[in-house]
Amino acid sequence: MSVLIYAESENGKIKKSAFELASYGYEIASEMNVPLIAVTFNQDEVESLGTYGIEKVIKFKGPSISNFTALQYAENIASIANENEAKIIILSSSANAKYLAPILSITLSAGYASNVIALPEKLQPLTVKRTCFTNKAFNFCSLSNEVNIVGLSNNSYEIKENPKSIEIIEKDSSSTETTLKVEKLEKSSGKVTIADADVVVSGGRGLKGPENWHLIEDLADTLGGATACSKPVSDMGWRPHSEHVGQTGKPVASNLYIAIGVSGAIQHLAGVNSSKVKVVINNDPEAPFFKAADYGIVGDAFEVIPQLTKKLKEFKSK
């Protein structure tokens, strides 16, 4: 028996979410007294996974998996799950993982709980706490299948070091034919991706134009965070759609979310409710976002942001 995680990578680097999955999986595997195994695709450097409790890494390589294909990835992960008698499989909450999970669930006749935010309440049956109703409520889900899949919400579990000796095994991917052809990849220009960021700084129409976006970027760089925007901003072409966050854009579950010049429409709030601390800066004291915020500043962004960034830089330099 074993516990299995799918360790995602991007641009040749293991994603932060993989270390979160490993830390989470280690606690479950330790309680079950079974090994913790990771599956990767076209990833060379995997030794870092051993720092977080992984005992074995299965590396799939091959040109047919150079781009993510849910069906083919699911078949490969399922083969490893069967070989190692994995009883619990842990995935992230990335867009790719959410495509992958239902196919993997059907392939393995497994139960699946998405948006999980904590360690299982119990293992038999597997009972997990998860968010629902666009992060407005919680529920407890019990899975009684022989194999079960957990979709862990981003930034919901602390990354912990649990060093282990790691065994690395390379495998060729299955040869399932696919008609997928990737024409173009649109990527955010930020240094940190929204999905992996601990801090997200988001701007809205209150910035008045793309020429003022340096205020958002400078603050995000100072905090080591990612930049984001509201839907109207991306619709007007001020920022790429890859930075649009909200119910119709990318969900955000950062430790700190700063919204600048964003009114806080219900669709935007639904996509950022999972963030632990929300800070709003707006010159309209009646902006809906203030009702959902943990902290709020009523003021002109063009005055507040430069001063805030300056103070943070001074604090970091001490």
C-alpha atoms as a PDB file:
ATOM      1  CA  MET A   1       0.000   0.000   0.000  1.00  0.00           C
ATOM      2  CA  SER A   2       1.054   3.620  -0.463  1.00  0.00           C
ATOM      3  CA  VAL A   3      -0.005   7.264  -0.693  1.00  0.00           C
ATOM      4  CA  LEU A   4       0.613   8.917  -4.062  1.00  0.00           C
ATOM      5  CA  ILE A   5       0.928  12.567  -5.128  1.00  0.00           C
ATOM      6  CA  TYR A   6       1.105  14.133  -8.583  1.00  0.00           C
ATOM      7  CA  ALA A   7       3.971  16.668  -8.357  1.00  0.00           C
ATOM      8  CA  GLU A   8       3.348  19.325 -10.993  1.00  0.00           C
ATOM      9  CA  SER A   9       6.148  21.350 -12.565  1.00  0.00           C
ATOM     10  CA  GLU A  10       6.368  24.485 -14.658  1.00  0.00           C
ATOM     11  CA  ASN A  11       9.224  25.795 -16.791  1.00  0.00           C
ATOM     12  CA  GLY A  12      11.416  22.925 -15.614  1.00  0.00           C
ATOM     13  CA  LYS A  13      10.853  23.557 -11.902  1.00  0.00           C
ATOM     14  CA  ILE A  14       8.795  21.689  -9.343  1.00  0.00           C
ATOM     15  CA  LYS A  15       5.872  23.908  -8.347  1.00  0.00           C
ATOM     16  CA  LYS A  16       5.414  25.082  -4.788  1.00  0.00           C
ATOM     17  CA  SER A  17       2.072  23.259  -4.679  1.00  0.00           C
ATOM     18  CA  ALA A  18       3.950  19.949  -5.039  1.00  0.00           C
ATOM     19  CA  PHE A  19       5.828  20.607  -1.791  1.00  0.00           C
ATOM     20  CA  GLU A  20       2.513  21.411  -0.133  1.00  0.00           C
ATOM     21  CA  LEU A  21       1.061  18.110  -1.381  1.00  0.00           C
ATOM     22  CA  ALA A  22       4.138  16.246  -0.156  1.00  0.00           C
ATOM     23  CA  SER A  23       3.900  17.814   3.315  1.00  0.00           C
ATOM     24  CA  TYR A  24       0.199  16.980   3.474  1.00  0.00           C
ATOM     25  CA  GLY A  25       0.690  13.472   2.126  1.00  0.00           C
ATOM     26  CA  TYR A  26       3.520  12.771   4.565  1.00  0.00           C
ATOM     27  CA  GLU A  27       1.165  13.189   7.534  1.00  0.00           C
ATOM     28  CA  ILE A  28      -1.343  10.762   6.014  1.00  0.00           C
ATOM     29  CA  ALA A  29       1.291   8.233   4.940  1.00  0.00           C
ATOM     30  CA  SER A  30       2.871   8.331   8.415  1.00  0.00           C
ATOM     31  CA  GLU A  31      -0.477   7.615  10.064  1.00  0.00           C
ATOM     32  CA  MET A  32      -1.086   4.737   7.640  1.00  0.00           C
ATOM     33  CA  ASN A  33       2.543   3.554   8.003  1.00  0.00           C
ATOM     34  CA  VAL A  34       2.999   3.364   4.221  1.00  0.00           C
ATOM     35  CA  PRO A  35       5.485   5.011   1.794  1.00  0.00           C
ATOM     36  CA  LEU A  36       4.790   8.355   0.094  1.00  0.00           C
ATOM     37  CA  ILE A  37       5.353   8.295  -3.681  1.00  0.00           C
ATOM     38  CA  ALA A  38       5.398  11.127  -6.230  1.00  0.00           C
ATOM     39  CA  VAL A  39       4.760  11.055  -9.988  1.00  0.00           C
ATOM     40  CA  THR A  40       6.342  13.678 -12.267  1.00  0.00           C
ATOM     41  CA  PHE A  41       6.299  14.309 -16.023  1.00  0.00           C
ATOM     42  CA  ASN A  42       9.299  15.507 -18.065  1.00  0.00           C
ATOM     43  CA  GLN A  43      10.992  16.814 -14.932  1.00  0.00           C
ATOM     44  CA  ASP A  44      14.723  16.334 -14.397  1.00  0.00           C
ATOM     45  CA  GLU A  45      15.376  17.787 -10.943  1.00  0.00           C
ATOM     46  CA  VAL A  46      13.227  15.883  -8.445  1.00  0.00           C
ATOM     47  CA  GLU A  47      15.629  15.422  -5.523  1.00  0.00           C
ATOM     48  CA  SER A  48      14.063  18.379  -3.690  1.00  0.00           C
ATOM     49  CA  LEU A  49      10.893  16.322  -3.178  1.00  0.00           C
ATOM     50  CA  GLY A  50      12.807  14.117  -0.732  1.00  0.00           C
ATOM     51  CA  THR A  51      13.092  17.095   1.608  1.00  0.00           C
ATOM     52  CA  TYR A  52       9.334  16.999   2.163  1.00  0.00           C
ATOM     53  CA  GLY A  53       8.793  13.311   2.864  1.00  0.00           C
ATOM     54  CA  ILE A  54       8.769  11.679  -0.578  1.00  0.00           C
ATOM     55  CA  GLU A  55      10.446   8.256  -0.546  1.00  0.00           C
ATOM     56  CA  LYS A  56      10.079   7.342  -4.226  1.00  0.00           C
ATOM     57  CA  VAL A  57       9.702   9.425  -7.394  1.00  0.00           C
ATOM     58  CA  ILE A  58       8.415   7.977 -10.656  1.00  0.00           C
ATOM     59  CA  LYS A  59       9.656  10.150 -13.548  1.00  0.00           C
ATOM     60  CA  PHE A  60       7.742   9.829 -16.807  1.00  0.00           C
ATOM     61  CA  LYS A  61       9.606  11.146 -19.817  1.00  0.00           C
ATOM     62  CA  GLY A  62       8.910  11.300 -23.526  1.00  0.00           C
ATOM     63  CA  PRO A  63       7.919  13.672 -26.346  1.00  0.00           C
ATOM     64  CA  SER A  64       4.271  12.579 -26.221  1.00  0.00           C
ATOM     65  CA  ILE A  65       3.871  14.187 -22.776  1.00  0.00           C
ATOM     66  CA  SER A  66       5.715  17.427 -23.492  1.00  0.00           C
ATOM     67  CA  ASN A  67       2.333  19.163 -23.145  1.00  0.00           C
ATOM     68  CA  PHE A  68      -0.315  18.335 -20.577  1.00  0.00           C
ATOM     69  CA  THR A  69      -3.002  15.945 -21.812  1.00  0.00           C
ATOM     70  CA  ALA A  70      -5.472  14.917 -19.109  1.00  0.00           C
ATOM     71  CA  LEU A  71      -6.249  11.471 -20.552  1.00  0.00           C
ATOM     72  CA  GLN A  72      -2.634  10.433 -21.052  1.00  0.00           C
ATOM     73  CA  TYR A  73      -1.456  11.824 -17.712  1.00  0.00           C
ATOM     74  CA  ALA A  74      -4.337  10.042 -15.975  1.00  0.00           C
ATOM     75  CA  GLU A  75      -3.429   6.709 -17.590  1.00  0.00           C
ATOM     76  CA  ASN A  76       0.186   7.006 -16.471  1.00  0.00           C
ATOM     77  CA  ILE A  77      -0.703   8.022 -12.919  1.00  0.00           C
ATOM     78  CA  ALA A  78      -3.277   5.235 -12.719  1.00  0.00           C
ATOM     79  CA  SER A  79      -0.675   2.671 -13.774  1.00  0.00           C
ATOM     80  CA  ILE A  80       1.614   3.764 -10.934  1.00  0.00           C
ATOM     81  CA  ALA A  81      -1.273   3.814  -8.473  1.00  0.00           C
ATOM     82  CA  ASN A  82      -2.122   0.217  -9.375  1.00  0.00           C
ATOM     83  CA  GLU A  83       1.499  -0.956  -9.259  1.00  0.00           C
ATOM     84  CA  ASN A  84       2.023   0.544  -5.806  1.00  0.00           C
ATOM     85  CA  GLU A  85      -1.455  -0.181  -4.427  1.00  0.00           C
ATOM     86  CA  ALA A  86      -2.060   3.507  -3.717  1.00  0.00           C
ATOM     87  CA  LYS A  87      -5.116   3.952  -1.510  1.00  0.00           C
ATOM     88  CA  ILE A  88      -5.029   7.772  -1.425  1.00  0.00           C
ATOM     89  CA  ILE A  89      -3.969   9.964  -4.356  1.00  0.00           C
ATOM     90  CA  ILE A  90      -3.398  13.668  -3.709  1.00  0.00           C
ATOM     91  CA  LEU A  91      -3.668  16.322  -6.413  1.00  0.00           C
ATOM     92  CA  SER A  92      -3.443  20.105  -6.324  1.00  0.00           C
ATOM     93  CA  SER A  93      -6.244  22.527  -7.241  1.00  0.00           C
ATOM     94  CA  SER A  94      -4.594  23.761 -10.434  1.00  0.00           C
ATOM     95  CA  ALA A  95      -6.607  23.925 -13.648  1.00  0.00           C
ATOM     96  CA  ASN A  96      -4.713  20.898 -15.013  1.00  0.00           C
ATOM     97  CA  ALA A  97      -5.320  18.849 -11.868  1.00  0.00           C
ATOM     98  CA  LYS A  98      -9.047  19.616 -12.003  1.00  0.00           C
ATOM     99  CA  TYR A  99      -9.157  18.317 -15.583  1.00  0.00           C
ATOM    100  CA  LEU A 100      -7.157  15.269 -14.566  1.00  0.00           C
ATOM    101  CA  ALA A 101      -9.018  14.269 -11.391  1.00  0.00           C
ATOM    102  CA  PRO A 102     -12.380  13.127 -12.874  1.00  0.00           C
ATOM    103  CA  ILE A 103     -10.665  10.992 -15.529  1.00  0.00           C
ATOM    104  CA  LEU A 104      -8.362   9.476 -12.929  1.00  0.00           C
ATOM    105  CA  SER A 105     -11.350   8.865 -10.658  1.00  0.00           C
ATOM    106  CA  ILE A 106     -13.199   6.931 -13.378  1.00  0.00           C
ATOM    107  CA  THR A 107     -10.077   4.989 -14.400  1.00  0.00           C
ATOM    108  CA  LEU A 108      -9.456   3.821 -10.830  1.00  0.00           C
ATOM    109  CA  SER A 109     -13.118   3.644  -9.695  1.00  0.00           C
ATOM    110  CA  ALA A 110     -12.020   6.092  -7.024  1.00  0.00           C
ATOM    111  CA  GLY A 111     -13.880   8.616  -4.896  1.00  0.00           C
ATOM    112  CA  TYR A 112     -12.920  12.258  -5.381  1.00  0.00           C
ATOM    113  CA  ALA A 113     -13.147  15.258  -3.026  1.00  0.00           C
ATOM    114  CA  SER A 114     -12.096  18.646  -4.398  1.00  0.00           C
ATOM    115  CA  ASN A 115     -11.259  21.888  -2.551  1.00  0.00           C
ATOM    116  CA  VAL A 116      -9.983  20.069   0.543  1.00  0.00           C
ATOM    117  CA  ILE A 117      -8.476  22.425   3.138  1.00  0.00           C
ATOM    118  CA  ALA A 118      -7.332  20.215   6.035  1.00  0.00           C
ATOM    119  CA  LEU A 119      -5.980  16.824   6.979  1.00  0.00           C
ATOM    120  CA  PRO A 120      -8.592  14.048   7.065  1.00  0.00           C
ATOM    121  CA  GLU A 121     -10.827  13.908  10.124  1.00  0.00           C
ATOM    122  CA  LYS A 122     -10.514  10.121   9.861  1.00  0.00           C
ATOM    123  CA  LEU A 123      -9.150   7.607   7.359  1.00  0.00           C
ATOM    124  CA  GLN A 124     -11.903   4.945   7.489  1.00  0.00           C
ATOM    125  CA  PRO A 125     -13.983   6.095   5.752  1.00  0.00           C
ATOM    126  CA  LEU A 126     -11.819   8.917   4.447  1.00  0.00           C
ATOM    127  CA  THR A 127     -13.484  12.089   5.774  1.00  0.00           C
ATOM    128  CA  VAL A 128     -12.219  15.497   4.685  1.00  0.00           C
ATOM    129  CA  LYS A 129     -13.187  19.133   5.189  1.00  0.00           C
ATOM    130  CA  ARG A 130     -13.718  21.119   1.994  1.00  0.00           C
ATOM    131  CA  THR A 131     -15.009  24.488   0.850  1.00  0.00           C
ATOM    132  CA  CYS A 132     -18.247  24.849  -1.095  1.00  0.00           C
ATOM    133  CA  PHE A 133     -20.575  27.502  -2.544  1.00  0.00           C
ATOM    134  CA  THR A 134     -17.605  29.473  -3.988  1.00  0.00           C
ATOM    135  CA  ASN A 135     -15.783  29.401  -0.640  1.00  0.00           C
ATOM    136  CA  LYS A 136     -18.719  30.758   1.363  1.00  0.00           C
ATOM    137  CA  ALA A 137     -19.185  27.583   3.430  1.00  0.00           C
ATOM    138  CA  PHE A 138     -17.548  24.309   4.477  1.00  0.00           C
ATOM    139  CA  ASN A 139     -18.705  20.717   4.404  1.00  0.00           C
ATOM    140  CA  PHE A 140     -17.385  17.325   5.431  1.00  0.00           C
ATOM    141  CA  CYS A 141     -17.176  14.683   2.730  1.00  0.00           C
ATOM    142  CA  SER A 142     -16.828  10.944   3.394  1.00  0.00           C
ATOM    143  CA  LEU A 143     -15.304   8.702   0.720  1.00  0.00           C
ATOM    144  CA  SER A 144     -15.761   4.957   1.153  1.00  0.00           C
ATOM    145  CA  ASN A 145     -14.146   3.684  -2.063  1.00  0.00           C
ATOM    146  CA  GLU A 146     -11.119   1.411  -1.901  1.00  0.00           C
ATOM    147  CA  VAL A 147      -9.093   4.160  -3.630  1.00  0.00           C
ATOM    148  CA  ASN A 148      -9.784   7.856  -3.046  1.00  0.00           C
ATOM    149  CA  ILE A 149      -8.527  11.106  -4.570  1.00  0.00           C
ATOM    150  CA  VAL A 150      -8.029  14.314  -2.594  1.00  0.00           C
ATOM    151  CA  GLY A 151      -7.832  17.677  -4.366  1.00  0.00           C
ATOM    152  CA  LEU A 152      -5.979  19.966  -1.945  1.00  0.00           C
ATOM    153  CA  SER A 153      -6.721  23.695  -2.151  1.00  0.00           C
ATOM    154  CA  ASN A 154      -3.691  25.893  -2.742  1.00  0.00           C
ATOM    155  CA  ASN A 155      -2.053  27.444   0.332  1.00  0.00           C
ATOM    156  CA  SER A 156      -4.311  25.472   2.663  1.00  0.00           C
ATOM    157  CA  TYR A 157      -1.552  23.398   4.267  1.00  0.00           C
ATOM    158  CA  GLU A 158       1.812  24.480   5.625  1.00  0.00           C
ATOM    159  CA  ILE A 159       4.937  23.277   3.807  1.00  0.00           C
ATOM    160  CA  LYS A 160       7.045  21.240   6.250  1.00  0.00           C
ATOM    161  CA  GLU A 161      10.431  19.603   5.828  1.00  0.00           C
ATOM    162  CA  ASN A 162      10.519  15.858   6.501  1.00  0.00           C
ATOM    163  CA  PRO A 163      13.809  14.696   4.889  1.00  0.00           C
ATOM    164  CA  LYS A 164      13.869  11.201   3.422  1.00  0.00           C
ATOM    165  CA  SER A 165      16.199   9.097   1.295  1.00  0.00           C
ATOM    166  CA  ILE A 166      14.691   9.200  -2.154  1.00  0.00           C
ATOM    167  CA  GLU A 167      14.514   6.484  -4.807  1.00  0.00           C
ATOM    168  CA  ILE A 168      14.158   7.745  -8.393  1.00  0.00           C
ATOM    169  CA  ILE A 169      12.730   5.551 -11.153  1.00  0.00           C
ATOM    170  CA  GLU A 170      12.433   6.619 -14.786  1.00  0.00           C
ATOM    171  CA  LYS A 171       9.654   5.296 -17.004  1.00  0.00           C
ATOM    172  CA  ASP A 172       8.527   5.849 -20.572  1.00  0.00           C
ATOM    173  CA  SER A 173       5.032   7.263 -20.878  1.00  0.00           C
ATOM    174  CA  SER A 174       2.184   5.251 -22.341  1.00  0.00           C
ATOM    175  CA  SER A 175       1.732   5.633 -26.094  1.00  0.00           C
ATOM    176  CA  THR A 176      -1.912   6.741 -26.076  1.00  0.00           C
ATOM    177  CA  GLU A 177      -2.606   8.716 -29.229  1.00  0.00           C
ATOM    178  CA  THR A 178      -3.694  12.305 -28.734  1.00  0.00           C
ATOM    179  CA  THR A 179      -4.953  14.927 -31.149  1.00  0.00           C
ATOM    180  CA  LEU A 180      -3.963  17.826 -28.905  1.00  0.00           C
ATOM    181  CA  LYS A 181      -1.786  20.413 -30.588  1.00  0.00           C
ATOM    182  CA  VAL A 182      -0.635  23.422 -28.586  1.00  0.00           C
ATOM    183  CA  GLU A 183      -0.497  26.512 -30.804  1.00  0.00           C
ATOM    184  CA  LYS A 184       0.248  29.110 -28.172  1.00  0.00           C
ATOM    185  CA  LEU A 185       0.858  29.454 -24.442  1.00  0.00           C
ATOM    186  CA  GLU A 186      -0.144  32.735 -22.812  1.00  0.00           C
ATOM    187  CA  LYS A 187       1.819  33.386 -19.661  1.00  0.00           C
ATOM    188  CA  SER A 188       1.722  36.137 -17.107  1.00  0.00           C
ATOM    189  CA  SER A 189       4.653  38.530 -17.250  1.00  0.00           C
ATOM    190  CA  GLY A 190       5.074  38.444 -13.465  1.00  0.00           C
ATOM    191  CA  LYS A 191       7.983  36.734 -11.768  1.00  0.00           C
ATOM    192  CA  VAL A 192       5.654  34.724  -9.536  1.00  0.00           C
ATOM    193  CA  THR A 193       2.580  32.882 -10.820  1.00  0.00           C
ATOM    194  CA  ILE A 194      -0.787  33.672  -9.274  1.00  0.00           C
ATOM    195  CA  ALA A 195      -1.383  30.008  -8.381  1.00  0.00           C
ATOM    196  CA  ASP A 196       1.860  29.684  -6.402  1.00  0.00           C
ATOM    197  CA  ALA A 197       2.048  33.168  -4.881  1.00  0.00           C
ATOM    198  CA  ASP A 198       1.834  33.749  -1.133  1.00  0.00           C
ATOM    199  CA  VAL A 199       1.066  37.391  -1.909  1.00  0.00           C
ATOM    200  CA  VAL A 200      -1.099  38.701  -4.768  1.00  0.00           C
ATOM    201  CA  VAL A 201      -1.420  42.409  -5.570  1.00  0.00           C
ATOM    202  CA  SER A 202      -4.429  43.129  -7.762  1.00  0.00           C
ATOM    203  CA  GLY A 203      -5.504  46.295  -9.563  1.00  0.00           C
ATOM    204  CA  GLY A 204      -8.812  47.501 -10.939  1.00  0.00           C
ATOM    205  CA  ARG A 205     -10.201  50.360 -12.973  1.00  0.00           C
ATOM    206  CA  GLY A 206      -9.205  52.719 -10.174  1.00  0.00           C
ATOM    207  CA  LEU A 207      -5.679  52.659 -11.646  1.00  0.00           C
ATOM    208  CA  LYS A 208      -7.146  54.696 -14.548  1.00  0.00           C
ATOM    209  CA  GLY A 209      -4.914  53.179 -17.220  1.00  0.00           C
ATOM    210  CA  PRO A 210      -2.160  50.667 -18.049  1.00  0.00           C
ATOM    211  CA  GLU A 211       0.477  53.403 -17.782  1.00  0.00           C
ATOM    212  CA  ASN A 212      -0.038  53.364 -13.992  1.00  0.00           C
ATOM    213  CA  TRP A 213       0.451  49.617 -13.588  1.00  0.00           C
ATOM    214  CA  HIS A 214       4.025  50.141 -12.428  1.00  0.00           C
ATOM    215  CA  LEU A 215       2.512  50.965  -9.014  1.00  0.00           C
ATOM    216  CA  ILE A 216       1.046  47.447  -8.794  1.00  0.00           C
ATOM    217  CA  GLU A 217       4.214  45.807 -10.111  1.00  0.00           C
ATOM    218  CA  ASP A 218       6.517  47.716  -7.771  1.00  0.00           C
ATOM    219  CA  LEU A 219       4.454  46.800  -4.712  1.00  0.00           C
ATOM    220  CA  ALA A 220       4.231  43.158  -5.810  1.00  0.00           C
ATOM    221  CA  ASP A 221       7.994  42.994  -6.404  1.00  0.00           C
ATOM    222  CA  THR A 222       8.661  44.504  -2.986  1.00  0.00           C
ATOM    223  CA  LEU A 223       6.474  41.850  -1.348  1.00  0.00           C
ATOM    224  CA  GLY A 224       7.771  39.023  -3.560  1.00  0.00           C
ATOM    225  CA  GLY A 225       4.259  38.517  -4.908  1.00  0.00           C
ATOM    226  CA  ALA A 226       2.342  38.163  -8.155  1.00  0.00           C
ATOM    227  CA  THR A 227       0.313  40.791  -9.994  1.00  0.00           C
ATOM    228  CA  ALA A 228      -3.356  40.320 -10.874  1.00  0.00           C
ATOM    229  CA  CYS A 229      -6.297  42.343 -12.131  1.00  0.00           C
ATOM    230  CA  SER A 230     -10.083  42.537 -12.191  1.00  0.00           C
ATOM    231  CA  LYS A 231     -12.167  41.416 -15.183  1.00  0.00           C
ATOM    232  CA  PRO A 232     -12.817  44.945 -16.565  1.00  0.00           C
ATOM    233  CA  VAL A 233      -9.064  45.593 -16.630  1.00  0.00           C
ATOM    234  CA  SER A 234      -8.342  42.480 -18.699  1.00  0.00           C
ATOM    235  CA  ASP A 235     -11.389  43.134 -20.906  1.00  0.00           C
ATOM    236  CA  MET A 236     -10.048  46.602 -21.730  1.00  0.00           C
ATOM    237  CA  GLY A 237      -6.674  45.122 -22.635  1.00  0.00           C
ATOM    238  CA  TRP A 238      -4.727  46.857 -19.889  1.00  0.00           C
ATOM    239  CA  ARG A 239      -3.445  43.486 -18.639  1.00  0.00           C
ATOM    240  CA  PRO A 240      -3.359  39.957 -20.118  1.00  0.00           C
ATOM    241  CA  HIS A 241      -6.271  37.630 -19.367  1.00  0.00           C
ATOM    242  CA  SER A 242      -3.826  35.335 -17.563  1.00  0.00           C
ATOM    243  CA  GLU A 243      -3.847  37.881 -14.711  1.00  0.00           C
ATOM    244  CA  HIS A 244      -7.643  38.094 -14.428  1.00  0.00           C
ATOM    245  CA  VAL A 245      -8.757  36.748 -11.033  1.00  0.00           C
ATOM    246  CA  GLY A 246     -12.293  36.089  -9.847  1.00  0.00           C
ATOM    247  CA  GLN A 247     -15.116  33.611 -10.384  1.00  0.00           C
ATOM    248  CA  THR A 248     -14.739  33.856 -14.176  1.00  0.00           C
ATOM    249  CA  GLY A 249     -10.939  34.099 -14.037  1.00  0.00           C
ATOM    250  CA  LYS A 250      -8.292  32.441 -11.908  1.00  0.00           C
ATOM    251  CA  PRO A 251      -9.149  31.598  -8.285  1.00  0.00           C
ATOM    252  CA  VAL A 252      -6.811  33.029  -5.662  1.00  0.00           C
ATOM    253  CA  ALA A 253      -5.952  31.349  -2.359  1.00  0.00           C
ATOM    254  CA  SER A 254      -2.972  33.431  -1.293  1.00  0.00           C
ATOM    255  CA  ASN A 255      -1.927  34.210   2.259  1.00  0.00           C
ATOM    256  CA  LEU A 256      -2.245  37.940   1.487  1.00  0.00           C
ATOM    257  CA  TYR A 257      -4.440  39.500  -1.209  1.00  0.00           C
ATOM    258  CA  ILE A 258      -4.209  43.258  -1.785  1.00  0.00           C
ATOM    259  CA  ALA A 259      -6.919  44.817  -3.967  1.00  0.00           C
ATOM    260  CA  ILE A 260      -6.237  48.318  -5.251  1.00  0.00           C
ATOM    261  CA  GLY A 261      -8.932  50.276  -7.035  1.00  0.00           C
ATOM    262  CA  VAL A 262     -11.149  47.174  -7.211  1.00  0.00           C
ATOM    263  CA  SER A 263     -14.778  47.797  -6.262  1.00  0.00           C
ATOM    264  CA  GLY A 264     -15.414  44.180  -5.271  1.00  0.00           C
ATOM    265  CA  ALA A 265     -18.190  42.831  -7.473  1.00  0.00           C
ATOM    266  CA  ILE A 266     -19.633  39.539  -6.233  1.00  0.00           C
ATOM    267  CA  GLN A 267     -17.929  37.588  -9.043  1.00  0.00           C
ATOM    268  CA  HIS A 268     -14.537  38.978  -8.032  1.00  0.00           C
ATOM    269  CA  LEU A 269     -15.097  38.263  -4.334  1.00  0.00           C
ATOM    270  CA  ALA A 270     -16.140  34.672  -5.090  1.00  0.00           C
ATOM    271  CA  GLY A 271     -12.777  34.030  -6.711  1.00  0.00           C
ATOM    272  CA  VAL A 272     -10.614  35.479  -3.922  1.00  0.00           C
ATOM    273  CA  ASN A 273     -12.532  34.431  -0.791  1.00  0.00           C
ATOM    274  CA  SER A 274     -10.035  31.644  -0.053  1.00  0.00           C
ATOM    275  CA  SER A 275      -7.258  34.160   0.577  1.00  0.00           C
ATOM    276  CA  LYS A 276      -6.383  34.253   4.253  1.00  0.00           C
ATOM    277  CA  VAL A 277      -5.941  38.040   4.633  1.00  0.00           C
ATOM    278  CA  LYS A 278      -7.588  40.548   2.300  1.00  0.00           C
ATOM    279  CA  VAL A 279      -6.515  44.199   2.190  1.00  0.00           C
ATOM    280  CA  VAL A 280      -8.469  46.792   0.200  1.00  0.00           C
ATOM    281  CA  ILE A 281      -7.295  50.231  -0.911  1.00  0.00           C
ATOM    282  CA  ASN A 282     -10.020  52.351  -2.483  1.00  0.00           C
ATOM    283  CA  ASN A 283     -11.062  56.010  -2.444  1.00  0.00           C
ATOM    284  CA  ASP A 284     -14.753  55.019  -2.248  1.00  0.00           C
ATOM    285  CA  PRO A 285     -15.694  54.171   1.364  1.00  0.00           C
ATOM    286  CA  GLU A 286     -18.879  52.492   0.062  1.00  0.00           C
ATOM    287  CA  ALA A 287     -17.018  50.024  -2.179  1.00  0.00           C
ATOM    288  CA  PRO A 288     -18.461  46.509  -1.580  1.00  0.00           C
ATOM    289  CA  PHE A 289     -14.970  45.054  -1.079  1.00  0.00           C
ATOM    290  CA  PHE A 290     -14.639  46.775   2.314  1.00  0.00           C
ATOM    291  CA  LYS A 291     -17.340  44.474   3.727  1.00  0.00           C
ATOM    292  CA  ALA A 292     -15.259  41.402   2.839  1.00  0.00           C
ATOM    293  CA  ALA A 293     -11.856  42.860   3.731  1.00  0.00           C
ATOM    294  CA  ASP A 294      -9.808  42.139   6.828  1.00  0.00           C
ATOM    295  CA  TYR A 295      -8.136  45.536   6.516  1.00  0.00           C
ATOM    296  CA  GLY A 296      -9.121  48.579   4.494  1.00  0.00           C
ATOM    297  CA  ILE A 297      -7.593  51.915   3.548  1.00  0.00           C
ATOM    298  CA  VAL A 298      -9.836  54.665   2.248  1.00  0.00           C
ATOM    299  CA  GLY A 299      -7.594  56.857   0.127  1.00  0.00           C
ATOM    300  CA  ASP A 300      -6.191  57.754  -3.259  1.00  0.00           C
ATOM    301  CA  ALA A 301      -4.164  54.825  -4.614  1.00  0.00           C
ATOM    302  CA  PHE A 302      -1.757  57.229  -6.306  1.00  0.00           C
ATOM    303  CA  GLU A 303      -0.847  58.618  -2.872  1.00  0.00           C
ATOM    304  CA  VAL A 304      -1.184  55.506  -0.721  1.00  0.00           C
ATOM    305  CA  ILE A 305       0.693  52.949  -2.864  1.00  0.00           C
ATOM    306  CA  PRO A 306       3.970  54.890  -3.336  1.00  0.00           C
ATOM    307  CA  GLN A 307       4.112  55.580   0.412  1.00  0.00           C
ATOM    308  CA  LEU A 308       3.276  51.983   1.310  1.00  0.00           C
ATOM    309  CA  THR A 309       5.893  50.628  -1.116  1.00  0.00           C
ATOM    310  CA  LYS A 310       8.501  53.067   0.201  1.00  0.00           C
ATOM    311  CA  LYS A 311       7.879  52.045   3.826  1.00  0.00           C
ATOM    312  CA  LEU A 312       8.036  48.343   2.956  1.00  0.00           C
ATOM    313  CA  LYS A 313      11.338  48.826   1.138  1.00  0.00           C
ATOM    314  CA  GLU A 314      12.739  50.690   4.140  1.00  0.00           C
ATOM    315  CA  PHE A 315      11.574  47.896   6.458  1.00  0.00           C
ATOM    316  CA  LYS A 316      13.169  45.217   4.234  1.00  0.00           C
ATOM    317  CA  SER A 317      16.482  47.091   4.124  1.00  0.00           C
ATOM    318  CA  LYS A 318      16.850  47.101   7.925  1.00  0.00           C
END
